[in-house]
Amino acid sequence: MPGRPGASSNLPMLTIAIDAGHGGEDPGAHGEAGTLEKEVTLAVAQRVRDRVNAEPNLRGVLIRDGDYFIPLGGRTAKARQLHADLFVSIHADAFISKDARGSSVFALSERGATSVAARWLANRENQADQIGGVNLNARDPYLAQTLFDLSQTATIADSLRLARSVLRELGGLNPLHRGEVEQAGFAVLKAPDIPSILVETAFISNPYEEKRLADPAYQERLADTIVRGIKHYLQSRPAQARPKLSQRDETP
């Protein structure tokens, strides 16, 4: 089978897993005009996938390609089944104040949230499994043995580098809600061997940003910005084969 035009046979094909937040019975947040987070995230994720696939030596795959629910652990499990090299989860933020605005990027934390707001947001995002009927108290097959493992520590360091690269690019498109990457215990970011970030594109609870998020042209610009951040990360840190944990390593 011929390779993709422009691809180098000397470089590995890297897989970027793109996760559209929420879905199905979990609509996520919603705006004053009725815009649903699950619809915005899928639209942006599809555009990110298309742009990734236009790049040589990159392959974009969607964790969710329609309006259905996937448990948070199932999202990371699918990324690992796809042998993903990076995991990017797309969301649209919400807050009780309509004045809250701007983009944010998050990575996993081993030691607690970097701010009260980050902890609040992680708790809200982690409630998705409760909506879908998943028991959050069930044993996490990744966390028990690997969270404090050196593999996890190295993965978080890479996640932070990726997050900073994407945040810098987003700062050229949107105001930033905070000027630095934040960390918290997001369940969807707990794949132990895949650098993973969560992108809050904008505040769907802010009427101005809700209108932008619903605009296909703005969704295109968001996708362009996220992919530029991914590319800059990859260019600054050439991809190396990352050892994948075996099934035996996943469960203590």
Protein backbone atom coordinates (compact mmCIF):
# COMPACT_ATOMS: atom_id res chain seq x y z
CA MET A 1 0.00 0.00 0.00
CA PRO A 2 1.60 3.32 -1.03
CA GLY A 3 2.44 5.78 1.73
CA ARG A 4 0.83 9.17 2.15
CA PRO A 5 2.16 11.82 -0.28
CA GLY A 6 4.91 13.82 1.38
CA ALA A 7 5.47 11.25 4.12
CA SER A 8 9.04 10.25 4.87
CA SER A 9 9.79 6.54 4.93
CA ASN A 10 12.57 7.30 7.43
CA LEU A 11 10.15 8.63 10.07
CA PRO A 12 7.51 6.65 11.96
CA MET A 13 3.83 7.34 11.43
CA LEU A 14 2.60 8.98 14.65
CA THR A 15 -0.97 8.51 15.80
CA ILE A 16 -2.83 11.39 17.45
CA ALA A 17 -5.96 10.32 19.34
CA ILE A 18 -8.53 13.15 19.37
CA ASP A 19 -11.21 12.90 22.02
CA ALA A 20 -14.43 14.89 21.59
CA GLY A 21 -15.62 15.45 25.14
CA HIS A 22 -19.01 14.21 26.36
CA GLY A 23 -21.57 12.72 23.95
CA GLY A 24 -24.85 10.81 23.93
CA GLU A 25 -26.77 11.16 27.19
CA ASP A 26 -23.99 13.42 28.48
CA PRO A 27 -24.39 16.76 26.67
CA GLY A 28 -21.70 18.50 28.71
CA ALA A 29 -22.16 22.21 29.30
CA HIS A 30 -24.55 24.38 27.32
CA GLY A 31 -24.73 28.03 26.39
CA GLU A 32 -27.48 30.57 26.82
CA ALA A 33 -28.48 30.18 23.17
CA GLY A 34 -28.69 26.40 23.51
CA THR A 35 -25.32 25.40 22.04
CA LEU A 36 -24.29 22.00 23.43
CA GLU A 37 -20.72 21.23 24.39
CA LYS A 38 -20.92 17.69 22.98
CA GLU A 39 -21.74 19.08 19.52
CA VAL A 40 -19.01 21.72 19.56
CA THR A 41 -16.37 19.27 20.74
CA LEU A 42 -17.19 16.75 18.00
CA ALA A 43 -17.15 19.44 15.30
CA VAL A 44 -13.75 20.74 16.44
CA ALA A 45 -12.35 17.22 16.92
CA GLN A 46 -13.33 16.25 13.37
CA ARG A 47 -11.55 19.31 12.03
CA VAL A 48 -8.46 18.55 14.10
CA ARG A 49 -8.48 15.00 12.74
CA ASP A 50 -8.69 16.24 9.16
CA ARG A 51 -5.78 18.64 9.66
CA VAL A 52 -3.64 16.01 11.35
CA ASN A 53 -4.31 13.63 8.46
CA ALA A 54 -3.14 16.30 6.01
CA GLU A 55 0.30 16.27 7.65
CA PRO A 56 2.97 13.82 6.49
CA ASN A 57 3.75 11.06 8.98
CA LEU A 58 0.77 11.94 11.19
CA ARG A 59 -2.47 10.00 11.57
CA GLY A 60 -5.50 11.42 13.36
CA VAL A 61 -8.11 9.12 14.90
CA LEU A 62 -11.30 10.08 16.70
CA ILE A 63 -12.14 8.47 20.02
CA ARG A 64 -15.81 9.39 19.45
CA ASP A 65 -17.02 9.89 15.88
CA GLY A 66 -20.72 10.34 16.61
CA ASP A 67 -23.22 11.34 19.29
CA TYR A 68 -22.80 8.53 21.79
CA PHE A 69 -21.42 8.08 25.28
CA ILE A 70 -18.01 6.57 26.07
CA PRO A 71 -16.88 6.17 29.70
CA LEU A 72 -13.78 8.14 30.60
CA GLY A 73 -11.70 5.00 31.13
CA GLY A 74 -12.94 3.65 27.82
CA ARG A 75 -11.54 6.72 26.06
CA THR A 76 -8.01 6.15 27.34
CA ALA A 77 -8.36 2.42 26.69
CA LYS A 78 -9.30 3.06 23.06
CA ALA A 79 -6.32 5.41 22.65
CA ARG A 80 -4.01 2.66 23.89
CA GLN A 81 -5.65 0.07 21.61
CA LEU A 82 -4.91 2.43 18.72
CA HIS A 83 -1.27 2.68 19.89
CA ALA A 84 -1.70 6.45 20.07
CA ASP A 85 1.41 8.58 20.54
CA LEU A 86 -0.54 11.60 21.83
CA PHE A 87 -4.03 12.08 23.30
CA VAL A 88 -5.89 15.41 22.98
CA SER A 89 -9.29 15.82 24.65
CA ILE A 90 -11.43 18.71 23.37
CA HIS A 91 -13.89 20.53 25.67
CA ALA A 92 -15.74 23.85 26.06
CA ASP A 93 -15.60 25.37 29.52
CA ALA A 94 -18.49 26.71 31.62
CA PHE A 95 -18.79 28.74 34.80
CA ILE A 96 -21.53 30.29 36.90
CA SER A 97 -20.43 33.76 35.79
CA LYS A 98 -21.09 34.69 32.17
CA ASP A 99 -18.05 36.95 32.29
CA ALA A 100 -15.59 34.02 32.49
CA ARG A 101 -13.76 33.70 29.18
CA GLY A 102 -10.66 32.40 27.47
CA SER A 103 -8.90 29.15 26.58
CA SER A 104 -7.13 26.78 28.96
CA VAL A 105 -5.01 23.65 28.63
CA PHE A 106 -4.65 21.02 31.34
CA ALA A 107 -2.40 18.05 32.07
CA LEU A 108 -2.67 15.33 34.71
CA SER A 109 -1.35 15.98 38.20
CA GLU A 110 0.13 13.37 40.54
CA ARG A 111 0.03 15.67 43.55
CA GLY A 112 -3.32 17.44 43.45
CA ALA A 113 -4.71 20.34 41.47
CA THR A 114 -2.66 23.47 40.81
CA SER A 115 -5.63 25.69 41.70
CA VAL A 116 -9.10 25.53 43.19
CA ALA A 117 -10.56 26.21 39.75
CA ALA A 118 -8.59 23.34 38.20
CA ARG A 119 -9.79 20.96 40.90
CA TRP A 120 -13.39 22.14 40.42
CA LEU A 121 -13.17 21.64 36.68
CA ALA A 122 -11.64 18.16 37.00
CA ASN A 123 -14.39 17.14 39.40
CA ARG A 124 -17.03 18.41 36.96
CA GLU A 125 -15.49 16.64 33.97
CA ASN A 126 -15.06 13.42 35.95
CA GLN A 127 -18.79 13.38 36.71
CA ALA A 128 -19.41 12.34 33.08
CA ASP A 129 -19.16 8.70 34.12
CA GLN A 130 -21.91 9.19 36.69
CA ILE A 131 -24.19 10.50 33.97
CA GLY A 132 -23.41 7.44 31.87
CA GLY A 133 -23.97 5.06 34.76
CA VAL A 134 -20.32 4.16 35.34
CA ASN A 135 -19.11 3.54 38.88
CA LEU A 136 -16.29 5.98 39.52
CA ASN A 137 -15.39 4.06 42.67
CA ALA A 138 -14.47 0.95 40.69
CA ARG A 139 -10.78 0.12 40.67
CA ASP A 140 -8.93 2.12 38.03
CA PRO A 141 -6.95 -0.49 36.04
CA TYR A 142 -4.25 2.05 35.14
CA LEU A 143 -3.93 4.12 38.26
CA ALA A 144 -3.24 1.57 41.01
CA GLN A 145 0.16 0.40 39.81
CA THR A 146 1.29 3.08 37.37
CA LEU A 147 0.37 6.51 38.70
CA PHE A 148 3.54 6.79 40.77
CA ASP A 149 5.63 4.75 38.36
CA LEU A 150 8.48 6.40 36.49
CA SER A 151 6.60 5.84 33.24
CA GLN A 152 3.75 8.01 34.50
CA THR A 153 6.14 10.70 35.70
CA ALA A 154 7.85 10.87 32.30
CA THR A 155 4.48 10.91 30.53
CA ILE A 156 3.26 13.84 32.63
CA ALA A 157 6.46 15.76 31.82
CA ASP A 158 5.80 15.22 28.10
CA SER A 159 2.15 16.14 28.59
CA LEU A 160 3.18 19.45 30.12
CA ARG A 161 5.45 20.22 27.17
CA LEU A 162 2.65 19.43 24.73
CA ALA A 163 0.18 21.48 26.78
CA ARG A 164 2.48 24.52 26.82
CA SER A 165 2.94 24.33 23.06
CA VAL A 166 -0.82 24.20 22.42
CA LEU A 167 -1.50 26.94 24.98
CA ARG A 168 1.00 29.27 23.30
CA GLU A 169 -0.78 28.82 19.97
CA LEU A 170 -4.22 29.32 21.51
CA GLY A 171 -2.99 32.58 23.00
CA GLY A 172 -2.69 33.93 19.45
CA LEU A 173 -6.36 33.17 18.75
CA ASN A 174 -8.15 33.73 22.07
CA PRO A 175 -7.52 35.44 25.35
CA LEU A 176 -6.18 32.87 27.80
CA HIS A 177 -8.20 32.17 30.93
CA ARG A 178 -4.90 31.60 32.70
CA GLY A 179 -1.50 32.22 31.21
CA GLU A 180 -0.06 28.88 32.25
CA VAL A 181 -0.87 25.20 31.96
CA GLU A 182 -2.82 23.84 34.91
CA GLN A 183 -2.92 20.34 36.36
CA ALA A 184 -5.58 18.28 38.11
CA GLY A 185 -6.79 14.69 38.42
CA PHE A 186 -8.70 14.40 35.15
CA ALA A 187 -9.74 10.75 34.72
CA VAL A 188 -9.53 11.00 30.94
CA LEU A 189 -5.82 11.92 31.09
CA LYS A 190 -4.67 8.87 33.08
CA ALA A 191 -3.26 6.72 30.27
CA PRO A 192 0.12 5.88 31.81
CA ASP A 193 2.18 5.86 28.63
CA ILE A 194 0.58 8.44 26.31
CA PRO A 195 1.24 12.19 26.73
CA SER A 196 -2.28 13.54 27.23
CA ILE A 197 -3.84 17.00 27.45
CA LEU A 198 -7.31 18.46 27.88
CA VAL A 199 -8.09 21.63 25.89
CA GLU A 200 -10.87 23.93 27.12
CA THR A 201 -11.37 25.82 23.87
CA ALA A 202 -13.47 28.68 25.30
CA PHE A 203 -16.34 29.33 27.70
CA ILE A 204 -19.63 28.14 26.24
CA SER A 205 -21.31 29.89 29.19
CA ASN A 206 -20.04 33.26 27.88
CA PRO A 207 -22.54 34.50 25.22
CA TYR A 208 -19.80 35.97 23.01
CA GLU A 209 -17.65 32.85 23.15
CA GLU A 210 -20.69 30.59 22.70
CA LYS A 211 -21.47 32.36 19.44
CA ARG A 212 -17.89 31.86 18.27
CA LEU A 213 -17.84 28.20 19.26
CA ALA A 214 -20.96 27.55 17.16
CA ASP A 215 -19.38 29.20 14.09
CA PRO A 216 -17.83 26.66 11.64
CA ALA A 217 -15.23 29.22 10.55
CA TYR A 218 -14.10 29.69 14.15
CA GLN A 219 -14.05 25.91 14.66
CA GLU A 220 -11.69 25.71 11.68
CA ARG A 221 -9.39 28.30 13.25
CA LEU A 222 -9.43 26.45 16.55
CA ALA A 223 -8.46 23.22 14.80
CA ASP A 224 -5.63 24.95 12.95
CA THR A 225 -4.34 26.42 16.20
CA ILE A 226 -4.42 23.11 18.11
CA VAL A 227 -2.63 21.26 15.30
CA ARG A 228 0.06 23.96 15.10
CA GLY A 229 0.68 23.43 18.79
CA ILE A 230 0.96 19.68 18.30
CA LYS A 231 3.38 20.13 15.40
CA HIS A 232 5.59 22.54 17.32
CA TYR A 233 5.75 20.09 20.21
CA LEU A 234 6.75 17.26 17.88
CA GLN A 235 9.35 19.43 16.12
CA SER A 236 10.92 20.50 19.39
CA ARG A 237 10.96 16.97 20.78
CA PRO A 238 11.54 14.38 18.04
CA ALA A 239 9.32 11.37 18.59
CA GLN A 240 11.00 8.35 20.08
CA ALA A 241 9.53 4.91 20.46
CA ARG A 242 7.74 4.99 23.78
CA PRO A 243 7.50 1.58 25.42
CA LYS A 244 3.86 0.59 25.77
CA LEU A 245 2.87 -1.09 29.01
CA SER A 246 1.89 -4.69 28.54
CA GLN A 247 -1.47 -6.05 29.68
CA ARG A 248 0.38 -7.62 32.61
CA ASP A 249 1.75 -4.20 33.61
CA GLU A 250 -1.68 -2.57 33.57
CA THR A 251 -3.24 -4.54 36.41
CA PRO A 252 -1.54 -4.99 39.76
